[in-house]
Protein backbone atom coordinates (compact mmCIF):
# COMPACT_ATOMS: atom_id res chain seq x y z
CA MET A 1 -6.39 -30.53 47.25
CA ILE A 2 -5.96 -27.74 44.72
CA ASP A 3 -4.85 -28.90 41.28
CA ALA A 4 -2.54 -26.03 40.32
CA SER A 5 -2.18 -27.43 36.79
CA LEU A 6 -5.74 -26.24 36.11
CA PHE A 7 -4.84 -22.56 36.65
CA PRO A 8 -3.96 -21.85 32.98
CA ALA A 9 -7.22 -23.49 31.87
CA LEU A 10 -9.23 -21.44 34.37
CA LEU A 11 -7.63 -18.22 33.11
CA SER A 12 -8.46 -19.27 29.54
CA LEU A 13 -12.05 -19.79 30.66
CA VAL A 14 -12.12 -16.22 32.02
CA THR A 15 -10.88 -14.88 28.68
CA VAL A 16 -13.52 -16.86 26.77
CA ALA A 17 -16.22 -15.55 29.13
CA ARG A 18 -15.06 -11.96 28.61
CA SER A 19 -14.77 -12.18 24.84
CA GLY A 20 -17.61 -14.60 24.10
CA SER A 21 -15.38 -16.41 21.64
CA VAL A 22 -12.90 -19.27 21.80
CA GLY A 23 -11.11 -17.83 18.78
CA ALA A 24 -10.66 -14.43 20.43
CA ALA A 25 -9.33 -16.09 23.58
CA ALA A 26 -6.91 -18.14 21.49
CA ARG A 27 -5.51 -15.00 19.86
CA LEU A 28 -5.09 -13.27 23.21
CA HIS A 29 -3.29 -16.28 24.72
CA HIS A 30 -1.29 -16.99 21.54
CA ARG A 31 -2.73 -20.50 21.35
CA THR A 32 -4.85 -22.39 18.85
CA SER A 33 -8.62 -22.55 19.22
CA SER A 34 -8.45 -26.32 19.66
CA ALA A 35 -5.94 -25.90 22.52
CA ILE A 36 -8.27 -23.47 24.32
CA SER A 37 -11.25 -25.78 23.77
CA GLN A 38 -9.23 -28.68 25.17
CA GLN A 39 -8.40 -26.64 28.28
CA ILE A 40 -12.07 -25.82 28.82
CA ARG A 41 -13.06 -29.48 28.45
CA ARG A 42 -10.40 -30.42 30.99
CA VAL A 43 -11.92 -28.05 33.56
CA GLU A 44 -15.43 -29.33 32.81
CA THR A 45 -14.28 -32.93 33.16
CA HIS A 46 -12.49 -32.21 36.43
CA PHE A 47 -15.60 -30.65 38.04
CA GLY A 48 -18.14 -32.80 36.21
CA THR A 49 -20.23 -29.92 34.90
CA LYS A 50 -20.75 -28.07 31.63
CA LEU A 51 -19.52 -24.47 31.80
CA LEU A 52 -19.85 -23.26 28.19
CA GLU A 53 -22.39 -23.79 25.42
CA ARG A 54 -22.63 -22.62 21.82
CA ALA A 55 -24.51 -19.40 21.06
CA GLY A 56 -24.64 -18.55 17.37
CA ARG A 57 -21.08 -18.17 16.15
CA GLY A 58 -19.75 -17.73 19.67
CA VAL A 59 -20.16 -19.31 23.07
CA ARG A 60 -21.81 -18.35 26.31
CA LEU A 61 -21.69 -19.52 29.90
CA THR A 62 -24.15 -22.11 31.15
CA PRO A 63 -25.97 -21.42 34.44
CA ALA A 64 -23.15 -23.30 36.22
CA GLY A 65 -20.58 -21.15 34.42
CA GLU A 66 -22.43 -17.96 35.38
CA ALA A 67 -22.50 -19.08 39.02
CA ALA A 68 -18.73 -19.65 38.98
CA LEU A 69 -17.93 -16.44 37.08
CA PRO A 70 -17.39 -14.06 40.07
CA ALA A 71 -14.87 -16.45 41.63
CA LEU A 72 -13.12 -16.89 38.29
CA PHE A 73 -12.82 -13.13 37.85
CA GLU A 74 -11.39 -12.83 41.37
CA LEU A 75 -8.83 -15.52 40.53
CA ALA A 76 -7.82 -13.66 37.36
CA GLU A 77 -7.50 -10.38 39.26
CA GLU A 78 -5.37 -11.99 41.95
CA MET A 79 -3.08 -13.54 39.34
CA GLU A 80 -2.72 -10.21 37.52
CA SER A 81 -1.92 -8.56 40.85
CA VAL A 82 0.75 -11.18 41.61
CA PHE A 83 2.36 -10.76 38.19
CA GLY A 84 2.30 -6.99 38.59
CA ARG A 85 3.95 -7.19 41.99
CA LEU A 86 6.64 -9.59 40.72
CA ALA A 87 7.31 -7.27 37.78
CA GLU A 88 7.79 -4.38 40.20
CA VAL A 89 10.24 -6.44 42.27
CA ALA A 90 12.13 -7.37 39.11
CA GLY A 91 12.32 -3.71 38.08
CA ARG A 92 10.08 -4.20 35.04
CA PRO A 93 6.67 -3.07 36.30
CA ILE A 94 3.79 -2.77 33.89
CA THR A 95 0.11 -2.54 34.74
CA THR A 96 -2.84 -3.18 32.45
CA LEU A 97 -5.86 -0.99 33.22
CA ARG A 98 -9.18 -1.94 31.67
CA VAL A 99 -11.58 0.98 31.64
CA ALA A 100 -15.20 1.18 30.46
CA VAL A 101 -16.37 4.64 29.40
CA SER A 102 -18.82 6.28 27.00
CA ASP A 103 -17.51 8.02 23.93
CA TYR A 104 -17.95 11.61 25.13
CA LEU A 105 -16.60 10.96 28.65
CA GLY A 106 -13.68 9.08 27.13
CA LYS A 107 -12.82 12.11 25.02
CA GLY A 108 -13.46 14.65 27.77
CA LEU A 109 -11.87 12.84 30.73
CA LEU A 110 -9.76 9.85 29.74
CA VAL A 111 -7.83 11.19 26.76
CA PRO A 112 -6.05 13.92 28.81
CA VAL A 113 -5.36 11.48 31.68
CA VAL A 114 -3.97 8.72 29.46
CA ARG A 115 -1.83 11.19 27.54
CA ARG A 116 -0.30 12.63 30.72
CA LEU A 117 0.43 9.24 32.27
CA LEU A 118 2.04 7.84 29.14
CA ASP A 119 4.02 11.05 28.51
CA ARG A 120 5.47 10.67 32.02
CA GLY A 121 6.62 7.17 31.17
CA ALA A 122 4.17 5.38 33.46
CA PRO A 123 4.45 1.58 33.01
CA LEU A 124 0.88 1.24 31.77
CA ARG A 125 -1.11 -0.62 29.16
CA PHE A 126 -4.68 0.57 28.61
CA GLU A 127 -7.67 -1.39 27.36
CA ILE A 128 -10.54 1.04 26.76
CA VAL A 129 -14.05 -0.38 26.31
CA THR A 130 -16.65 2.00 24.88
CA ALA A 131 -19.88 1.42 26.80
CA HIS A 132 -22.88 3.38 28.02
CA SER A 133 -23.22 3.82 31.77
CA ARG A 134 -25.40 0.82 32.53
CA GLU A 135 -23.09 -1.46 30.59
CA GLY A 136 -20.08 0.11 32.32
CA ILE A 137 -21.62 -0.61 35.72
CA ARG A 138 -22.21 -4.23 34.71
CA LEU A 139 -18.66 -4.66 33.43
CA VAL A 140 -16.99 -3.32 36.58
CA SER A 141 -19.39 -5.20 38.88
CA ARG A 142 -18.53 -8.49 37.15
CA GLY A 143 -14.81 -7.75 37.23
CA GLU A 144 -14.45 -7.51 33.45
CA VAL A 145 -12.84 -4.07 33.84
CA GLU A 146 -10.99 -2.45 36.74
CA PHE A 147 -12.50 1.01 36.26
CA ALA A 148 -15.65 2.51 34.75
CA VAL A 149 -16.56 6.17 34.24
CA VAL A 150 -20.34 6.31 34.40
CA THR A 151 -23.25 8.69 34.77
CA ALA A 152 -25.38 7.18 37.50
CA GLY A 153 -27.28 8.28 40.59
CA GLU A 154 -27.57 4.91 42.28
CA THR A 155 -24.89 3.31 44.46
CA VAL A 156 -23.23 0.23 42.99
CA ARG A 157 -22.51 -2.64 45.37
CA GLY A 158 -19.10 -4.26 45.47
CA VAL A 159 -17.17 -1.36 43.92
CA GLU A 160 -15.64 1.85 45.18
CA GLU A 161 -17.05 5.19 44.01
CA GLN A 162 -15.39 8.53 43.41
CA ARG A 163 -17.71 11.38 42.47
CA LEU A 164 -16.21 13.52 39.71
CA PHE A 165 -18.78 16.21 38.83
CA ASP A 166 -22.49 16.77 38.19
CA GLN A 167 -23.43 16.48 34.54
CA ALA A 168 -26.03 18.90 33.18
CA PHE A 169 -27.90 18.19 29.95
CA VAL A 170 -28.75 20.54 27.09
CA TRP A 171 -30.91 20.64 24.00
CA VAL A 172 -28.98 20.95 20.75
CA GLY A 173 -30.18 21.61 17.23
CA PRO A 174 -29.01 22.87 13.84
CA ARG A 175 -28.36 26.57 13.50
CA ARG A 176 -29.06 26.60 9.78
CA SER A 177 -32.78 25.92 9.88
CA ARG A 178 -35.74 28.00 8.81
CA HIS A 179 -37.08 27.43 12.32
CA ALA A 180 -33.77 28.36 14.00
CA ARG A 181 -35.28 31.30 15.91
CA SER A 182 -37.82 29.07 17.67
CA PRO A 183 -37.00 27.37 20.99
CA LEU A 184 -35.62 23.90 20.42
CA VAL A 185 -38.46 22.12 22.22
CA GLU A 186 -40.89 23.84 19.85
CA ARG A 187 -38.88 22.69 16.85
CA LEU A 188 -39.53 19.08 17.84
CA ARG A 189 -42.86 19.29 16.00
CA ARG A 190 -41.07 20.17 12.75
CA GLU A 191 -37.70 18.42 12.98
CA PRO A 192 -36.65 14.87 13.91
CA LEU A 193 -35.84 14.01 17.51
CA LEU A 194 -32.42 12.38 17.95
CA ARG A 195 -32.39 9.73 20.69
CA LEU A 196 -29.48 7.95 22.35
CA ALA A 197 -29.43 4.20 23.01
CA SER A 198 -32.36 3.00 25.09
CA GLU A 199 -30.02 1.79 27.88
CA SER A 200 -28.28 5.15 28.29
CA GLN A 201 -28.95 7.65 31.05
CA GLY A 202 -29.50 10.41 28.48
CA ARG A 203 -32.27 8.39 26.86
CA ARG A 204 -33.90 7.81 30.24
CA LEU A 205 -33.90 11.55 30.94
CA LEU A 206 -35.33 12.24 27.49
CA ASP A 207 -38.14 9.71 27.87
CA ASP A 208 -38.99 11.08 31.32
CA TYR A 209 -39.09 14.61 29.94
CA LEU A 210 -41.33 13.70 26.99
CA GLU A 211 -43.74 11.88 29.29
CA ARG A 212 -43.76 14.64 31.89
CA GLU A 213 -44.27 17.44 29.38
CA ARG A 214 -46.57 15.32 27.19
CA VAL A 215 -44.51 16.08 24.11
CA GLY A 216 -45.01 13.89 21.06
CA PRO A 217 -42.34 14.45 18.38
CA GLY A 218 -43.32 13.81 14.80
CA SER A 219 -40.31 11.62 13.92
CA THR A 220 -37.30 10.10 15.67
CA ILE A 221 -33.78 8.98 14.75
CA ASP A 222 -31.94 6.64 17.12
CA VAL A 223 -28.17 7.16 17.31
CA PRO A 224 -25.71 5.00 19.31
CA SER A 225 -23.49 7.76 20.68
CA VAL A 226 -23.22 11.42 21.63
CA SER A 227 -20.56 11.92 18.96
CA LEU A 228 -22.90 10.73 16.23
CA MET A 229 -25.68 12.92 17.58
CA LEU A 230 -23.37 15.93 17.29
CA SER A 231 -22.50 14.94 13.73
CA TYR A 232 -26.17 14.84 12.75
CA VAL A 233 -26.92 18.18 14.39
CA GLN A 234 -23.91 19.90 12.85
CA GLY A 235 -24.95 18.39 9.54
CA GLY A 236 -28.31 20.14 9.84
CA LEU A 237 -30.56 17.30 10.99
CA GLY A 238 -32.41 16.75 14.25
CA ILE A 239 -32.91 18.01 17.81
CA GLY A 240 -31.27 16.09 20.64
CA LEU A 241 -30.82 16.01 24.41
CA MET A 242 -27.17 15.51 25.28
CA PRO A 243 -24.60 15.98 28.09
CA ALA A 244 -23.39 19.57 28.29
CA LEU A 245 -19.73 18.51 28.55
CA ALA A 246 -19.87 17.32 24.94
CA LEU A 247 -20.17 20.99 23.88
CA ALA A 248 -16.63 21.69 25.08
CA GLU A 249 -15.14 20.58 21.75
CA VAL A 250 -17.83 22.13 19.54
CA PRO A 251 -16.91 25.44 17.84
CA ARG A 252 -19.15 28.32 18.80
CA GLY A 253 -21.81 28.95 16.22
CA ALA A 254 -21.76 25.37 14.93
CA LEU A 255 -25.15 24.60 16.47
CA VAL A 256 -27.86 25.98 18.75
CA ALA A 257 -27.75 24.88 22.40
CA GLU A 258 -30.22 25.64 25.20
CA ARG A 259 -30.52 24.56 28.81
CA ALA A 260 -32.80 21.59 29.35
CA ASP A 261 -35.32 21.25 32.15
CA VAL A 262 -33.99 17.86 33.30
CA PRO A 263 -32.01 16.98 36.43
CA ALA A 264 -28.22 16.91 36.44
CA LEU A 265 -26.68 13.49 37.09
CA PRO A 266 -23.45 12.67 38.96
CA VAL A 267 -20.52 11.33 36.95
CA LYS A 268 -18.54 8.79 38.96
CA LEU A 269 -15.36 6.77 38.68
CA LEU A 270 -16.12 3.20 39.76
CA SER A 271 -13.26 0.88 40.62
CA ARG A 272 -12.71 -2.65 41.79
CA PRO A 273 -11.13 -2.62 45.28
CA ILE A 274 -8.31 -4.88 44.06
CA ALA A 275 -7.32 -2.25 41.47
CA ARG A 276 -6.18 0.08 44.24
CA ARG A 277 -3.34 -2.30 45.18
CA SER A 278 -1.34 -0.90 42.29
CA SER A 279 0.35 2.47 42.81
CA VAL A 280 -0.07 3.18 39.09
CA ALA A 281 -3.81 2.49 39.30
CA THR A 282 -4.04 4.80 42.31
CA ARG A 283 -2.28 7.50 40.31
CA PHE A 284 -4.75 6.93 37.47
CA SER A 285 -7.75 7.45 39.76
CA GLU A 286 -6.18 10.62 41.18
CA GLU A 287 -5.62 11.97 37.67
CA VAL A 288 -9.21 11.19 36.71
CA GLY A 289 -10.37 13.03 39.85
CA ALA A 290 -8.34 16.09 38.88
CA GLU A 291 -9.77 15.94 35.35
CA GLY A 292 -13.25 15.79 36.88
CA GLU A 293 -12.56 19.08 38.66
CA ARG A 294 -11.50 20.64 35.35
CA ALA A 295 -14.68 19.29 33.73
CA ALA A 296 -16.77 20.95 36.45
CA ARG A 297 -15.12 24.30 35.67
CA THR A 298 -15.71 23.75 31.96
CA LEU A 299 -19.39 23.05 32.61
CA ARG A 300 -19.73 26.30 34.55
CA ARG A 301 -18.28 28.21 31.57
CA ILE A 302 -20.65 26.42 29.19
CA ALA A 303 -23.65 27.15 31.42
CA ALA A 304 -22.76 30.83 31.60
CA ARG A 305 -23.08 31.26 27.85
CA LEU A 306 -26.22 29.15 27.36
CA PRO A 307 -29.57 30.93 27.06
CA ALA A 308 -32.39 29.61 29.16
CA ARG A 309 -35.26 28.07 27.26
CA PRO A 310 -37.69 30.92 26.62
CA PRO A 311 -41.28 30.41 27.74
CA THR A 312 -43.76 29.47 25.04
CA ASP A 313 -47.47 28.81 24.79
CA ARG A 314 -47.31 27.06 21.45
CA PRO A 315 -47.79 23.28 21.19
CA ALA A 316 -44.76 21.06 20.81
CA CYS A 317 -46.27 19.05 17.94
CA PRO A 318 -49.14 19.45 15.47
CA ALA A 319 -52.69 19.49 16.81
CA SER A 320 -53.91 15.92 16.55
CA GLY A 321 -55.55 15.12 19.86
CA ARG A 322 -52.53 13.05 20.93
CA PRO A 323 -50.04 14.06 23.68
CA GLY A 324 -48.32 17.24 22.69
CA SER A 325 -51.26 18.59 20.67
CA SER A 326 -52.96 21.92 21.31
CA ARG A 327 -55.18 20.18 23.85
CA ASN A 328 -52.11 18.92 25.75
CA ARG A 329 -49.63 21.75 25.67
CA PRO A 330 -46.22 21.46 27.36
CA ARG A 331 -46.18 22.92 30.82
CA SER A 332 -43.58 25.59 30.06
């Protein structure tokens, strides 16, 4: 028989799993940390298995907890759906949408959508998680968010996909440089290479390009986001490979941008099937789709004003016998 009195404790367990902290879960549930810990112990005692263990200053799921996590997330989603439906019946509907998105896609796609929905008085509460695409895929697959805007070519199991547009990538570099007249890939031998996080799709494309063209930059600077990369470039430091859509907010003349010889990647809206039960969530996905069409038009305008990378026979880094030297020139 189902012990319905355990439901609050199970929902607390979901919050702890999502936040990685009993204290954070206590604040979200307006309880004390000891009360949350007591709830977790009650669940563990009932099922006779340990579900959480300490990890540094926080906690993490045990193997048994990880095995139970998908079912726990489904329970939390069903409860949220029930409360949302009851609120609609009572005439006080409000829907919480949790969305994972990278910084530049959040600015380019989500900000206009959220502004429009809230300006229209939509009964919405947003929780935006900044995450690169691989992390966004993980979060929506595990049910930790309802939606994720990601750059990914592969199909993700267990979620619905809506293709928004194809994202091209560009080289960017400082305009105020004594090497500013040289192609950006040539300037890699003189100026630092800016790299995104190793888990990001942009970093994967960059690494593939460097290996394919046998380019060995002299120095590198790792940055966690596209926004920070733009800040470095506009500040006069570094060459980077970044999504073309990020140029939409950059004033003309603020930097040098050139087309990059890397494949475009599809940008998709991923959603949990249960999220579509809400009419407000459906409206959100439709608005994101419309914003994706606008982004595609913006990308065409950006592409029209970008110069192609001019051919060059010069090496991409100093002659040293290593990849990218005069004995291993880029195949331009």
